[in-house]
C-alpha atoms as a PDB file:
ATOM      1  CA  MET A   1      58.774-123.235  78.709  1.00  0.00           C
ATOM      2  CA  SER A   2      59.899-120.531  76.303  1.00  0.00           C
ATOM      3  CA  ARG A   3      57.251-118.202  77.646  1.00  0.00           C
ATOM      4  CA  SER A   4      58.428-118.732  81.224  1.00  0.00           C
ATOM      5  CA  LYS A   5      62.008-117.916  80.243  1.00  0.00           C
ATOM      6  CA  SER A   6      60.913-114.732  78.476  1.00  0.00           C
ATOM      7  CA  GLU A   7      58.849-113.693  81.490  1.00  0.00           C
ATOM      8  CA  ASP A   8      61.822-114.190  83.795  1.00  0.00           C
ATOM      9  CA  ALA A   9      64.031-112.096  81.496  1.00  0.00           C
ATOM     10  CA  THR A  10      61.466-109.284  81.468  1.00  0.00           C
ATOM     11  CA  ARG A  11      61.214-109.401  85.250  1.00  0.00           C
ATOM     12  CA  LYS A  12      65.000-109.211  85.524  1.00  0.00           C
ATOM     13  CA  GLN A  13      65.121-106.307  83.072  1.00  0.00           C
ATOM     14  CA  ARG A  14      62.454-104.428  85.027  1.00  0.00           C
ATOM     15  CA  ALA A  15      64.314-104.986  88.286  1.00  0.00           C
ATOM     16  CA  THR A  16      67.526-103.677  86.737  1.00  0.00           C
ATOM     17  CA  LEU A  17      65.675-100.653  85.372  1.00  0.00           C
ATOM     18  CA  SER A  18      64.184 -99.942  88.781  1.00  0.00           C
ATOM     19  CA  LEU A  19      67.605-100.197  90.401  1.00  0.00           C
ATOM     20  CA  GLY A  20      69.147 -97.944  87.770  1.00  0.00           C
ATOM     21  CA  LEU A  21      66.438 -95.338  88.291  1.00  0.00           C
ATOM     22  CA  THR A  22      66.896 -95.386  92.063  1.00  0.00           C
ATOM     23  CA  TRP A  23      70.657 -95.084  91.640  1.00  0.00           C
ATOM     24  CA  LEU A  24      70.258 -92.170  89.235  1.00  0.00           C
ATOM     25  CA  MET A  25      67.880 -90.374  91.596  1.00  0.00           C
ATOM     26  CA  ALA A  26      70.330 -90.801  94.481  1.00  0.00           C
ATOM     27  CA  LYS A  27      73.208 -89.621  92.306  1.00  0.00           C
ATOM     28  CA  TYR A  28      71.453 -86.487  91.093  1.00  0.00           C
ATOM     29  CA  GLU A  29      69.839 -85.814  94.452  1.00  0.00           C
ATOM     30  CA  PRO A  30      72.512 -86.334  97.121  1.00  0.00           C
ATOM     31  CA  GLU A  31      71.298 -86.318 100.697  1.00  0.00           C
END
């Protein structure tokens, strides 16, 4: 159970990182 929770947290963190990167790219490269 603990492992599953940790995996979910990592997945959430990765998703947030991906979103942050996309947002940064859009901010520094306006279209």
